[in-house]
C-alpha atoms as a PDB file:
ATOM      1  CA  MET A   1       0.006   0.008   0.007  1.00  0.00           C
ATOM      2  CA  VAL A   2       1.722   3.184  -1.148  1.00  0.00           C
ATOM      3  CA  SER A   3      -0.387   5.815   0.522  1.00  0.00           C
ATOM      4  CA  ALA A   4      -0.330   7.029   4.117  1.00  0.00           C
ATOM      5  CA  THR A   5      -2.995   5.165   6.060  1.00  0.00           C
ATOM      6  CA  LEU A   6      -4.890   5.552   9.263  1.00  0.00           C
ATOM      7  CA  GLU A   7      -5.769   1.996  10.348  1.00  0.00           C
ATOM      8  CA  VAL A   8      -8.741   1.828  12.639  1.00  0.00           C
ATOM      9  CA  ASN A   9      -9.090  -1.241  14.894  1.00  0.00           C
ATOM     10  CA  LEU A  10     -12.773  -1.703  15.254  1.00  0.00           C
ATOM     11  CA  SER A  11     -12.341  -4.336  17.953  1.00  0.00           C
ATOM     12  CA  ALA A  12     -10.592  -1.749  20.031  1.00  0.00           C
ATOM     13  CA  LEU A  13     -13.409   0.726  19.423  1.00  0.00           C
ATOM     14  CA  ARG A  14     -15.914  -1.840  20.538  1.00  0.00           C
ATOM     15  CA  ALA A  15     -13.906  -2.564  23.662  1.00  0.00           C
ATOM     16  CA  ASN A  16     -13.768   1.145  24.489  1.00  0.00           C
ATOM     17  CA  TYR A  17     -17.483   1.549  24.055  1.00  0.00           C
ATOM     18  CA  ARG A  18     -18.106  -1.447  26.306  1.00  0.00           C
ATOM     19  CA  LEU A  19     -15.751  -0.077  29.046  1.00  0.00           C
ATOM     20  CA  LEU A  20     -17.467   3.317  28.888  1.00  0.00           C
ATOM     21  CA  ARG A  21     -20.959   1.709  29.115  1.00  0.00           C
ATOM     22  CA  ASP A  22     -20.036  -0.678  31.833  1.00  0.00           C
ATOM     23  CA  THR A  23     -18.478   2.255  33.937  1.00  0.00           C
ATOM     24  CA  HIS A  24     -21.574   4.351  33.512  1.00  0.00           C
ATOM     25  CA  ALA A  25     -23.915   4.037  36.592  1.00  0.00           C
ATOM     26  CA  LYS A  26     -26.966   3.385  34.320  1.00  0.00           C
ATOM     27  CA  LYS A  27     -25.089   1.573  31.556  1.00  0.00           C
ATOM     28  CA  ASN A  28     -26.388   4.116  29.087  1.00  0.00           C
ATOM     29  CA  VAL A  29     -23.886   5.768  26.810  1.00  0.00           C
ATOM     30  CA  ALA A  30     -24.472   7.743  23.650  1.00  0.00           C
ATOM     31  CA  ALA A  31     -21.680   8.268  21.016  1.00  0.00           C
ATOM     32  CA  VAL A  32     -20.352  11.592  19.787  1.00  0.00           C
ATOM     33  CA  VAL A  33     -19.286  11.112  16.172  1.00  0.00           C
ATOM     34  CA  LYS A  34     -18.910  14.708  15.024  1.00  0.00           C
ATOM     35  CA  ALA A  35     -16.130  15.726  12.748  1.00  0.00           C
ATOM     36  CA  ASN A  36     -16.190  12.479  10.789  1.00  0.00           C
ATOM     37  CA  ALA A  37     -16.046  10.474  14.030  1.00  0.00           C
ATOM     38  CA  TYR A  38     -13.002  12.581  15.148  1.00  0.00           C
ATOM     39  CA  GLY A  39     -11.352  11.914  11.804  1.00  0.00           C
ATOM     40  CA  LEU A  40     -11.597   8.123  11.933  1.00  0.00           C
ATOM     41  CA  GLY A  41     -14.525   7.738   9.521  1.00  0.00           C
ATOM     42  CA  VAL A  42     -18.091   8.245  10.617  1.00  0.00           C
ATOM     43  CA  GLU A  43     -19.622   5.465   8.541  1.00  0.00           C
ATOM     44  CA  GLU A  44     -17.658   2.540   9.835  1.00  0.00           C
ATOM     45  CA  VAL A  45     -17.316   3.896  13.316  1.00  0.00           C
ATOM     46  CA  SER A  46     -21.088   4.477  13.672  1.00  0.00           C
ATOM     47  CA  LYS A  47     -22.029   1.132  12.169  1.00  0.00           C
ATOM     48  CA  THR A  48     -19.651  -0.608  14.583  1.00  0.00           C
ATOM     49  CA  LEU A  49     -21.082   1.277  17.614  1.00  0.00           C
ATOM     50  CA  TRP A  50     -24.638   0.533  16.502  1.00  0.00           C
ATOM     51  CA  SER A  51     -23.733  -3.173  16.393  1.00  0.00           C
ATOM     52  CA  GLU A  52     -22.613  -2.865  20.024  1.00  0.00           C
ATOM     53  CA  GLY A  53     -26.007  -1.586  21.035  1.00  0.00           C
ATOM     54  CA  CYS A  54     -25.467   2.174  20.880  1.00  0.00           C
ATOM     55  CA  ARG A  55     -28.775   3.888  19.902  1.00  0.00           C
ATOM     56  CA  GLU A  56     -28.152   7.613  20.519  1.00  0.00           C
ATOM     57  CA  PHE A  57     -25.526   9.635  18.595  1.00  0.00           C
ATOM     58  CA  PHE A  58     -24.469  13.310  18.573  1.00  0.00           C
ATOM     59  CA  VAL A  59     -22.931  15.286  15.737  1.00  0.00           C
ATOM     60  CA  ALA A  60     -22.009  18.936  15.454  1.00  0.00           C
ATOM     61  CA  THR A  61     -23.947  20.228  12.399  1.00  0.00           C
ATOM     62  CA  LEU A  62     -27.090  19.671  10.354  1.00  0.00           C
ATOM     63  CA  GLU A  63     -24.929  18.478   7.467  1.00  0.00           C
ATOM     64  CA  GLU A  64     -23.332  15.893   9.672  1.00  0.00           C
ATOM     65  CA  GLY A  65     -26.701  14.776  10.916  1.00  0.00           C
ATOM     66  CA  VAL A  66     -28.022  14.247   7.415  1.00  0.00           C
ATOM     67  CA  GLN A  67     -24.979  12.159   6.564  1.00  0.00           C
ATOM     68  CA  LEU A  68     -25.323  10.005   9.688  1.00  0.00           C
ATOM     69  CA  ARG A  69     -29.030   9.474   9.005  1.00  0.00           C
ATOM     70  CA  GLY A  70     -28.018   7.824   5.690  1.00  0.00           C
ATOM     71  CA  VAL A  71     -25.783   5.488   7.649  1.00  0.00           C
ATOM     72  CA  LEU A  72     -28.107   4.748  10.602  1.00  0.00           C
ATOM     73  CA  PRO A  73     -31.826   5.005   9.625  1.00  0.00           C
ATOM     74  CA  GLU A  74     -33.072   4.064  13.089  1.00  0.00           C
ATOM     75  CA  ALA A  75     -30.729   6.008  15.410  1.00  0.00           C
ATOM     76  CA  VAL A  76     -31.580   8.961  17.621  1.00  0.00           C
ATOM     77  CA  ILE A  77     -29.438  11.770  16.336  1.00  0.00           C
ATOM     78  CA  GLY A  78     -28.837  15.006  18.200  1.00  0.00           C
ATOM     79  CA  VAL A  79     -27.273  18.063  16.608  1.00  0.00           C
ATOM     80  CA  PHE A  80     -25.155  20.151  18.888  1.00  0.00           C
ATOM     81  CA  SER A  81     -25.170  23.350  16.885  1.00  0.00           C
ATOM     82  CA  GLY A  82     -29.026  23.573  17.098  1.00  0.00           C
ATOM     83  CA  ILE A  83     -31.618  24.719  14.676  1.00  0.00           C
ATOM     84  CA  PHE A  84     -31.593  28.006  12.742  1.00  0.00           C
ATOM     85  CA  ALA A  85     -34.325  29.792  10.847  1.00  0.00           C
ATOM     86  CA  GLY A  86     -35.077  27.966   7.638  1.00  0.00           C
ATOM     87  CA  GLU A  87     -33.824  24.617   8.718  1.00  0.00           C
ATOM     88  CA  GLU A  88     -36.940  23.238  10.192  1.00  0.00           C
ATOM     89  CA  LYS A  89     -37.909  21.136   7.158  1.00  0.00           C
ATOM     90  CA  GLU A  90     -34.445  19.551   6.969  1.00  0.00           C
ATOM     91  CA  PHE A  91     -34.454  18.593  10.632  1.00  0.00           C
ATOM     92  CA  SER A  92     -37.995  17.104  10.221  1.00  0.00           C
ATOM     93  CA  ALA A  93     -37.276  15.297   6.939  1.00  0.00           C
ATOM     94  CA  HIS A  94     -34.194  13.585   8.422  1.00  0.00           C
ATOM     95  CA  ARG A  95     -35.619  13.069  11.874  1.00  0.00           C
ATOM     96  CA  LEU A  96     -32.825  14.961  13.578  1.00  0.00           C
ATOM     97  CA  THR A  97     -33.101  16.475  17.096  1.00  0.00           C
ATOM     98  CA  PRO A  98     -31.430  19.828  17.533  1.00  0.00           C
ATOM     99  CA  VAL A  99     -29.796  20.723  20.789  1.00  0.00           C
ATOM    100  CA  LEU A 100     -31.537  23.953  21.703  1.00  0.00           C
ATOM    101  CA  ASN A 101     -28.882  26.556  22.817  1.00  0.00           C
ATOM    102  CA  ASP A 102     -30.929  29.774  23.180  1.00  0.00           C
ATOM    103  CA  LEU A 103     -34.451  31.088  23.613  1.00  0.00           C
ATOM    104  CA  GLY A 104     -34.864  31.737  19.915  1.00  0.00           C
ATOM    105  CA  MET A 105     -34.127  28.126  19.078  1.00  0.00           C
ATOM    106  CA  VAL A 106     -36.544  26.858  21.738  1.00  0.00           C
ATOM    107  CA  GLU A 107     -39.256  29.019  20.262  1.00  0.00           C
ATOM    108  CA  ARG A 108     -38.518  27.976  16.680  1.00  0.00           C
ATOM    109  CA  PHE A 109     -38.497  24.250  17.559  1.00  0.00           C
ATOM    110  CA  ALA A 110     -41.595  24.484  19.659  1.00  0.00           C
ATOM    111  CA  GLN A 111     -43.421  26.064  16.743  1.00  0.00           C
ATOM    112  CA  GLY A 112     -41.944  24.178  13.884  1.00  0.00           C
ATOM    113  CA  ALA A 113     -44.155  21.978  11.714  1.00  0.00           C
ATOM    114  CA  GLY A 114     -43.630  18.269  12.366  1.00  0.00           C
ATOM    115  CA  PHE A 115     -41.911  18.730  15.717  1.00  0.00           C
ATOM    116  CA  GLY A 116     -43.004  17.820  19.183  1.00  0.00           C
ATOM    117  CA  ILE A 117     -40.604  19.399  21.698  1.00  0.00           C
ATOM    118  CA  GLN A 118     -42.605  17.857  24.500  1.00  0.00           C
ATOM    119  CA  ASP A 119     -41.365  14.429  23.329  1.00  0.00           C
ATOM    120  CA  SER A 120     -37.949  14.904  21.829  1.00  0.00           C
ATOM    121  CA  GLY A 121     -36.479  18.220  22.749  1.00  0.00           C
ATOM    122  CA  ILE A 122     -32.901  18.574  23.943  1.00  0.00           C
ATOM    123  CA  ILE A 123     -32.172  21.765  25.931  1.00  0.00           C
ATOM    124  CA  HIS A 124     -28.577  22.841  26.508  1.00  0.00           C
ATOM    125  CA  ILE A 125     -27.933  24.434  29.975  1.00  0.00           C
ATOM    126  CA  ASP A 126     -24.790  26.529  30.427  1.00  0.00           C
ATOM    127  CA  THR A 127     -23.450  25.433  33.856  1.00  0.00           C
ATOM    128  CA  GLY A 128     -20.141  27.132  33.555  1.00  0.00           C
ATOM    129  CA  MET A 129     -18.450  26.279  30.247  1.00  0.00           C
ATOM    130  CA  THR A 130     -19.662  29.659  29.002  1.00  0.00           C
ATOM    131  CA  ARG A 131     -19.961  28.633  25.442  1.00  0.00           C
ATOM    132  CA  LEU A 132     -23.388  27.668  24.244  1.00  0.00           C
ATOM    133  CA  GLY A 133     -26.424  27.113  26.368  1.00  0.00           C
ATOM    134  CA  LEU A 134     -29.199  28.785  28.303  1.00  0.00           C
ATOM    135  CA  SER A 135     -28.716  30.544  31.730  1.00  0.00           C
ATOM    136  CA  THR A 136     -30.800  29.615  34.776  1.00  0.00           C
ATOM    137  CA  SER A 137     -32.890  32.823  34.250  1.00  0.00           C
ATOM    138  CA  GLU A 138     -33.622  31.864  30.631  1.00  0.00           C
ATOM    139  CA  LEU A 139     -34.699  28.371  31.779  1.00  0.00           C
ATOM    140  CA  THR A 140     -37.161  29.987  34.182  1.00  0.00           C
ATOM    141  CA  GLU A 141     -38.604  32.012  31.268  1.00  0.00           C
ATOM    142  CA  ILE A 142     -39.014  28.776  29.249  1.00  0.00           C
ATOM    143  CA  THR A 143     -41.075  27.101  31.870  1.00  0.00           C
ATOM    144  CA  SER A 144     -43.167  30.161  32.412  1.00  0.00           C
ATOM    145  CA  ARG A 145     -43.771  31.061  28.794  1.00  0.00           C
ATOM    146  CA  ILE A 146     -42.733  28.466  26.276  1.00  0.00           C
ATOM    147  CA  LEU A 147     -42.648  24.979  27.596  1.00  0.00           C
ATOM    148  CA  ASN A 148     -44.623  22.878  30.085  1.00  0.00           C
ATOM    149  CA  PRO A 149     -42.143  21.985  32.892  1.00  0.00           C
ATOM    150  CA  GLU A 150     -43.700  18.573  33.001  1.00  0.00           C
ATOM    151  CA  SER A 151     -42.261  17.866  29.517  1.00  0.00           C
ATOM    152  CA  ARG A 152     -40.238  14.702  28.751  1.00  0.00           C
ATOM    153  CA  ILE A 153     -37.163  16.433  27.444  1.00  0.00           C
ATOM    154  CA  LEU A 154     -33.456  15.867  27.719  1.00  0.00           C
ATOM    155  CA  LEU A 155     -31.478  18.525  29.640  1.00  0.00           C
ATOM    156  CA  LEU A 156     -27.841  18.614  28.642  1.00  0.00           C
ATOM    157  CA  SER A 157     -24.808  20.379  29.849  1.00  0.00           C
ATOM    158  CA  HIS A 158     -21.126  19.975  29.405  1.00  0.00           C
ATOM    159  CA  LEU A 159     -18.272  19.709  31.968  1.00  0.00           C
ATOM    160  CA  ALA A 160     -15.269  21.965  31.542  1.00  0.00           C
ATOM    161  CA  CYS A 161     -12.738  20.333  33.810  1.00  0.00           C
ATOM    162  CA  ALA A 162     -13.773  16.630  34.171  1.00  0.00           C
ATOM    163  CA  ASN A 163     -10.323  15.430  33.054  1.00  0.00           C
ATOM    164  CA  ALA A 164      -9.095  16.836  36.399  1.00  0.00           C
ATOM    165  CA  PRO A 165     -11.254  14.966  39.001  1.00  0.00           C
ATOM    166  CA  GLN A 166     -10.385  17.351  42.006  1.00  0.00           C
ATOM    167  CA  HIS A 167     -11.055  20.537  40.121  1.00  0.00           C
ATOM    168  CA  PRO A 168     -13.599  22.649  41.993  1.00  0.00           C
ATOM    169  CA  LYS A 169     -15.374  23.462  38.723  1.00  0.00           C
ATOM    170  CA  ASN A 170     -16.767  19.999  38.628  1.00  0.00           C
ATOM    171  CA  ALA A 171     -18.746  20.370  41.859  1.00  0.00           C
ATOM    172  CA  GLU A 172     -19.830  23.771  40.864  1.00  0.00           C
ATOM    173  CA  GLN A 173     -21.259  22.559  37.582  1.00  0.00           C
ATOM    174  CA  LEU A 174     -22.930  19.605  39.154  1.00  0.00           C
ATOM    175  CA  LEU A 175     -24.711  21.952  41.674  1.00  0.00           C
ATOM    176  CA  ARG A 176     -25.899  24.271  38.912  1.00  0.00           C
ATOM    177  CA  PHE A 177     -27.053  21.348  36.794  1.00  0.00           C
ATOM    178  CA  ARG A 178     -29.156  19.939  39.647  1.00  0.00           C
ATOM    179  CA  GLU A 179     -30.730  23.344  40.135  1.00  0.00           C
ATOM    180  CA  ALA A 180     -31.684  23.448  36.550  1.00  0.00           C
ATOM    181  CA  LEU A 181     -33.102  19.811  36.705  1.00  0.00           C
ATOM    182  CA  ALA A 182     -35.330  20.891  39.512  1.00  0.00           C
ATOM    183  CA  LEU A 183     -37.326  23.073  37.033  1.00  0.00           C
ATOM    184  CA  PHE A 184     -38.094  19.950  34.963  1.00  0.00           C
ATOM    185  CA  PRO A 185     -38.962  17.091  37.170  1.00  0.00           C
ATOM    186  CA  ASN A 186     -39.741  14.628  34.230  1.00  0.00           C
ATOM    187  CA  ALA A 187     -36.643  15.373  32.235  1.00  0.00           C
ATOM    188  CA  ARG A 188     -33.908  13.061  31.333  1.00  0.00           C
ATOM    189  CA  ALA A 189     -30.391  14.393  32.039  1.00  0.00           C
ATOM    190  CA  SER A 190     -26.956  14.185  30.432  1.00  0.00           C
ATOM    191  CA  LEU A 191     -23.898  15.796  31.976  1.00  0.00           C
ATOM    192  CA  ALA A 192     -20.964  13.429  31.627  1.00  0.00           C
ATOM    193  CA  ASN A 193     -18.574  13.483  28.719  1.00  0.00           C
ATOM    194  CA  SER A 194     -15.745  10.932  28.400  1.00  0.00           C
ATOM    195  CA  ALA A 195     -13.892  12.177  31.379  1.00  0.00           C
ATOM    196  CA  GLY A 196     -17.145  12.582  33.287  1.00  0.00           C
ATOM    197  CA  ILE A 197     -17.863   8.876  33.029  1.00  0.00           C
ATOM    198  CA  PHE A 198     -14.744   8.336  35.290  1.00  0.00           C
ATOM    199  CA  LEU A 199     -16.005  10.784  37.914  1.00  0.00           C
ATOM    200  CA  SER A 200     -18.224   9.597  40.692  1.00  0.00           C
ATOM    201  CA  PRO A 201     -21.710   8.203  39.742  1.00  0.00           C
ATOM    202  CA  GLU A 202     -23.435  11.427  40.853  1.00  0.00           C
ATOM    203  CA  PHE A 203     -22.209  12.991  37.520  1.00  0.00           C
ATOM    204  CA  HIS A 204     -23.619  10.181  35.305  1.00  0.00           C
ATOM    205  CA  PHE A 205     -27.424  10.768  35.242  1.00  0.00           C
ATOM    206  CA  ASP A 206     -29.414   9.200  32.556  1.00  0.00           C
ATOM    207  CA  VAL A 207     -27.000   9.102  29.605  1.00  0.00           C
ATOM    208  CA  ALA A 208     -23.375  10.061  28.955  1.00  0.00           C
ATOM    209  CA  ARG A 209     -21.883  11.523  25.819  1.00  0.00           C
ATOM    210  CA  PRO A 210     -18.372  10.215  25.270  1.00  0.00           C
ATOM    211  CA  GLY A 211     -16.345  11.265  22.265  1.00  0.00           C
ATOM    212  CA  CYS A 212     -12.534  11.233  22.672  1.00  0.00           C
ATOM    213  CA  ALA A 213     -12.344   8.049  24.771  1.00  0.00           C
ATOM    214  CA  LEU A 214     -14.036   5.920  22.184  1.00  0.00           C
ATOM    215  CA  TYR A 215     -11.207   6.623  19.792  1.00  0.00           C
ATOM    216  CA  GLY A 216      -8.454   5.775  22.302  1.00  0.00           C
ATOM    217  CA  ILE A 217      -7.637   9.452  23.429  1.00  0.00           C
ATOM    218  CA  SER A 218      -7.135   9.492  27.141  1.00  0.00           C
ATOM    219  CA  PRO A 219     -10.218  10.882  28.925  1.00  0.00           C
ATOM    220  CA  HIS A 220      -8.159  12.199  31.873  1.00  0.00           C
ATOM    221  CA  ASP A 221      -4.801  13.149  33.057  1.00  0.00           C
ATOM    222  CA  GLY A 222      -2.637  10.105  33.895  1.00  0.00           C
ATOM    223  CA  THR A 223      -2.585   6.533  32.685  1.00  0.00           C
ATOM    224  CA  SER A 224      -5.241   5.966  30.105  1.00  0.00           C
ATOM    225  CA  PRO A 225      -7.792   3.140  30.573  1.00  0.00           C
ATOM    226  CA  MET A 226      -8.644   3.092  26.884  1.00  0.00           C
ATOM    227  CA  ALA A 227      -7.580   0.728  24.180  1.00  0.00           C
ATOM    228  CA  HIS A 228      -5.465   1.994  21.215  1.00  0.00           C
ATOM    229  CA  VAL A 229      -7.778   2.386  18.200  1.00  0.00           C
ATOM    230  CA  ALA A 230      -5.994   4.144  15.274  1.00  0.00           C
ATOM    231  CA  THR A 231      -2.469   3.712  13.826  1.00  0.00           C
ATOM    232  CA  LEU A 232      -1.090   6.318  11.482  1.00  0.00           C
ATOM    233  CA  SER A 233       1.492   5.029   9.091  1.00  0.00           C
ATOM    234  CA  ALA A 234       3.257   6.135   5.864  1.00  0.00           C
ATOM    235  CA  PRO A 235       5.365   4.280   3.244  1.00  0.00           C
ATOM    236  CA  ILE A 236       9.099   4.730   3.114  1.00  0.00           C
ATOM    237  CA  LEU A 237       9.716   6.289  -0.243  1.00  0.00           C
ATOM    238  CA  GLN A 238      13.466   6.104  -0.234  1.00  0.00           C
ATOM    239  CA  ILE A 239      16.393   5.126   2.074  1.00  0.00           C
ATOM    240  CA  ARG A 240      19.653   6.867   1.358  1.00  0.00           C
ATOM    241  CA  THR A 241      23.097   6.928   2.937  1.00  0.00           C
ATOM    242  CA  LEU A 242      24.878  10.257   2.976  1.00  0.00           C
ATOM    243  CA  ASP A 243      28.189  10.351   1.224  1.00  0.00           C
ATOM    244  CA  ARG A 244      29.183  13.541   2.977  1.00  0.00           C
ATOM    245  CA  ASP A 245      28.242  15.764   5.949  1.00  0.00           C
ATOM    246  CA  GLU A 246      24.868  17.280   5.016  1.00  0.00           C
ATOM    247  CA  THR A 247      21.991  19.400   6.284  1.00  0.00           C
ATOM    248  CA  VAL A 248      18.465  18.077   6.006  1.00  0.00           C
ATOM    249  CA  GLY A 249      15.285  19.750   4.659  1.00  0.00           C
ATOM    250  CA  TYR A 250      14.083  23.313   4.249  1.00  0.00           C
ATOM    251  CA  GLY A 251      15.977  25.956   6.256  1.00  0.00           C
ATOM    252  CA  ALA A 252      18.889  23.458   6.842  1.00  0.00           C
ATOM    253  CA  THR A 253      17.729  23.083  10.524  1.00  0.00           C
ATOM    254  CA  ALA A 254      19.310  19.733  11.047  1.00  0.00           C
ATOM    255  CA  SER A 255      22.801  18.360  10.251  1.00  0.00           C
ATOM    256  CA  LEU A 256      23.899  14.724   9.838  1.00  0.00           C
ATOM    257  CA  LYS A 257      27.445  13.249   9.355  1.00  0.00           C
ATOM    258  CA  LYS A 258      28.690  11.305   6.390  1.00  0.00           C
ATOM    259  CA  GLY A 259      27.420   7.727   6.596  1.00  0.00           C
ATOM    260  CA  ALA A 260      24.100   8.615   8.273  1.00  0.00           C
ATOM    261  CA  ARG A 261      21.062   6.811   6.877  1.00  0.00           C
ATOM    262  CA  LEU A 262      17.794   8.661   6.127  1.00  0.00           C
ATOM    263  CA  ALA A 263      14.347   7.127   5.512  1.00  0.00           C
ATOM    264  CA  ILE A 264      12.040   9.498   3.615  1.00  0.00           C
ATOM    265  CA  ALA A 265       8.430   8.873   4.635  1.00  0.00           C
ATOM    266  CA  GLY A 266       5.372   9.874   2.562  1.00  0.00           C
ATOM    267  CA  LEU A 267       3.510  12.047   4.957  1.00  0.00           C
ATOM    268  CA  GLY A 268       3.565  15.730   5.655  1.00  0.00           C
ATOM    269  CA  TYR A 269       1.655  18.693   6.911  1.00  0.00           C
ATOM    270  CA  ALA A 270      -0.744  18.431   4.008  1.00  0.00           C
ATOM    271  CA  ASP A 271      -1.803  15.224   5.629  1.00  0.00           C
ATOM    272  CA  GLY A 272      -2.268  16.708   9.030  1.00  0.00           C
ATOM    273  CA  TYR A 273       1.174  15.885  10.527  1.00  0.00           C
ATOM    274  CA  PHE A 274       2.120  19.017  12.432  1.00  0.00           C
ATOM    275  CA  ARG A 275       5.005  21.158  11.009  1.00  0.00           C
ATOM    276  CA  LYS A 276       5.682  22.040  14.631  1.00  0.00           C
ATOM    277  CA  LEU A 277       7.010  18.426  15.091  1.00  0.00           C
ATOM    278  CA  SER A 278      10.040  19.315  12.915  1.00  0.00           C
ATOM    279  CA  ASN A 279      13.165  17.952  14.718  1.00  0.00           C
ATOM    280  CA  LEU A 280      10.799  16.968  17.617  1.00  0.00           C
ATOM    281  CA  GLY A 281       8.627  14.098  16.427  1.00  0.00           C
ATOM    282  CA  VAL A 282       9.333  10.360  16.363  1.00  0.00           C
ATOM    283  CA  ALA A 283       8.272   7.432  14.406  1.00  0.00           C
ATOM    284  CA  TYR A 284       8.574   3.636  14.672  1.00  0.00           C
ATOM    285  CA  VAL A 285      10.245   1.848  11.803  1.00  0.00           C
ATOM    286  CA  ALA A 286      10.420  -2.001  11.961  1.00  0.00           C
ATOM    287  CA  GLY A 287       9.668  -1.697  15.686  1.00  0.00           C
ATOM    288  CA  HIS A 288      12.481   0.749  16.341  1.00  0.00           C
ATOM    289  CA  LYS A 289      11.898   4.384  17.639  1.00  0.00           C
ATOM    290  CA  VAL A 290      13.609   6.846  15.329  1.00  0.00           C
ATOM    291  CA  PRO A 291      13.640  10.701  15.302  1.00  0.00           C
ATOM    292  CA  VAL A 292      12.150  13.102  12.801  1.00  0.00           C
ATOM    293  CA  VAL A 293      15.100  15.189  11.360  1.00  0.00           C
ATOM    294  CA  GLY A 294      14.684  18.477   9.571  1.00  0.00           C
ATOM    295  CA  ARG A 295      11.559  20.284   8.847  1.00  0.00           C
ATOM    296  CA  VAL A 296       8.370  18.487   8.170  1.00  0.00           C
ATOM    297  CA  SER A 297       7.501  19.432   4.563  1.00  0.00           C
ATOM    298  CA  MET A 298       4.149  19.181   2.714  1.00  0.00           C
ATOM    299  CA  ASP A 299       4.456  15.672   1.609  1.00  0.00           C
ATOM    300  CA  MET A 300       7.541  14.193   3.163  1.00  0.00           C
ATOM    301  CA  ILE A 301       9.320  13.648   6.580  1.00  0.00           C
ATOM    302  CA  ALA A 302      12.951  12.546   7.007  1.00  0.00           C
ATOM    303  CA  LEU A 303      13.730  10.062   9.625  1.00  0.00           C
ATOM    304  CA  ASP A 304      17.248   9.229  10.994  1.00  0.00           C
ATOM    305  CA  VAL A 305      17.511   5.343  10.678  1.00  0.00           C
ATOM    306  CA  SER A 306      21.268   5.276  11.002  1.00  0.00           C
ATOM    307  CA  ALA A 307      21.011   2.949  14.160  1.00  0.00           C
ATOM    308  CA  LEU A 308      18.673   0.510  12.538  1.00  0.00           C
ATOM    309  CA  PRO A 309      19.678  -2.728  10.783  1.00  0.00           C
ATOM    310  CA  GLU A 310      19.076  -3.204   7.072  1.00  0.00           C
ATOM    311  CA  LEU A 311      15.416  -2.440   6.427  1.00  0.00           C
ATOM    312  CA  PRO A 312      13.179  -4.761   4.325  1.00  0.00           C
ATOM    313  CA  GLU A 313      11.545  -3.460   1.157  1.00  0.00           C
ATOM    314  CA  GLY A 314       8.019  -2.117   1.669  1.00  0.00           C
ATOM    315  CA  VAL A 315       8.670  -1.191   5.396  1.00  0.00           C
ATOM    316  CA  ARG A 316       6.484   1.629   6.676  1.00  0.00           C
ATOM    317  CA  ALA A 317       6.930   4.253   9.360  1.00  0.00           C
ATOM    318  CA  GLU A 318       4.399   4.473  12.107  1.00  0.00           C
ATOM    319  CA  PHE A 319       3.801   7.952  13.554  1.00  0.00           C
ATOM    320  CA  ILE A 320       0.933   6.925  15.810  1.00  0.00           C
ATOM    321  CA  ASN A 321       0.835   3.402  17.202  1.00  0.00           C
ATOM    322  CA  ALA A 322       0.297   1.509  20.502  1.00  0.00           C
ATOM    323  CA  GLN A 323       3.843   2.433  21.590  1.00  0.00           C
ATOM    324  CA  HIS A 324       3.557   6.038  20.557  1.00  0.00           C
ATOM    325  CA  THR A 325      -0.044   6.939  21.100  1.00  0.00           C
ATOM    326  CA  VAL A 326      -2.058   9.939  19.774  1.00  0.00           C
ATOM    327  CA  ASP A 327      -1.668  11.457  23.281  1.00  0.00           C
ATOM    328  CA  ASP A 328       2.068  11.132  23.065  1.00  0.00           C
ATOM    329  CA  VAL A 329       2.077  12.916  19.578  1.00  0.00           C
ATOM    330  CA  ALA A 330      -0.192  15.589  21.108  1.00  0.00           C
ATOM    331  CA  ARG A 331       2.152  16.275  23.984  1.00  0.00           C
ATOM    332  CA  GLU A 332       5.050  16.619  21.534  1.00  0.00           C
ATOM    333  CA  ALA A 333       3.081  19.074  19.391  1.00  0.00           C
ATOM    334  CA  GLY A 334       1.787  21.014  22.469  1.00  0.00           C
ATOM    335  CA  THR A 335      -1.857  20.255  21.731  1.00  0.00           C
ATOM    336  CA  ILE A 336      -4.521  17.535  22.471  1.00  0.00           C
ATOM    337  CA  GLY A 337      -5.284  14.245  20.846  1.00  0.00           C
ATOM    338  CA  TYR A 338      -8.568  15.599  19.419  1.00  0.00           C
ATOM    339  CA  GLU A 339      -6.622  18.011  17.237  1.00  0.00           C
ATOM    340  CA  ILE A 340      -4.154  15.380  16.140  1.00  0.00           C
ATOM    341  CA  PHE A 341      -6.938  12.990  14.842  1.00  0.00           C
ATOM    342  CA  THR A 342      -9.165  15.633  13.313  1.00  0.00           C
ATOM    343  CA  ARG A 343      -6.269  17.230  11.456  1.00  0.00           C
ATOM    344  CA  ILE A 344      -5.446  13.950   9.635  1.00  0.00           C
ATOM    345  CA  GLY A 345      -6.208  14.870   5.957  1.00  0.00           C
ATOM    346  CA  ARG A 346      -8.234  13.343   3.235  1.00  0.00           C
ATOM    347  CA  ARG A 347      -5.199  11.959   1.327  1.00  0.00           C
ATOM    348  CA  VAL A 348      -4.635   9.572   4.236  1.00  0.00           C
ATOM    349  CA  GLN A 349      -6.513   6.432   3.485  1.00  0.00           C
ATOM    350  CA  ARG A 350      -8.719   5.111   6.276  1.00  0.00           C
ATOM    351  CA  VAL A 351      -8.592   1.286   6.510  1.00  0.00           C
ATOM    352  CA  TYR A 352     -10.421  -0.835   9.027  1.00  0.00           C
ATOM    353  CA  SER A 353      -9.520  -4.033  10.786  1.00  0.00           C
ATOM    354  CA  GLN A 354     -11.742  -6.242  13.023  1.00  0.00           C
END
């Protein structure tokens, strides 16, 4: 295989879903599959999770919801960005449920043809993320003017610091969420994200919404309980031995001595590998850890394989694997695993193993 690939282990994905479900107090876990299932491929990922018994899914946008409906005809699909004027027919036609983030959305959804907010509404409460969601005063207005407080809706909020279990923000948000729930005694509730599932059961409520942990990204600081899901590899395009002292790559930022051996891998920043990893990143070649040397270019990365034995034809370089996880790459790049996966470009072929 000559292209860079992201190999997704569907058995590991299943194992992660089961772990999250079994850890949840009510054994009820939805799946967040926005951004093409965090870059891993929404069709294969969603079908696999459906086969494991997942029935509720969340995406970011209307367009993602329409795509997912074509994959899972019977799933419950929530759309985080909500519903905007003129989108009512699309939501109705594809049986999508918007997450209602402000009063205007609540009113449009309540009045929209073909909708029954009493039965299927999702209301987003801002408990301290200070991003989207309704305030406590706006919730009070909803119950007095727009919506029967006895409605069977889903109240949703999002934890800001769940990856740090002792952070005081967690207790603050839990208290504010409980205050909001008191306004809707018949509502279902969802607060826990991936990291929230590993907090105490009082954070779990009726359904959790993991995303990153499904895909092998650590849900909290410290040792990850999640199985490795996705391996990023690239073909070695050429192996060369330097016949003189040389610099490597744009800007001549690295120097190697005569006799050094370089492997040129077919991956670059056009494929989502961070240019910031120039002279910082590592890869595994034939099971050996080797450094990135010189600047990452658009399509190629140079690796110093001087210490390795003779390499077989067709060997590949692995930039994310079980020994060097997406979280490791993220630390090297000064970011988070979410960004590493979602930056992986369209040229990288997604392949799936069971």
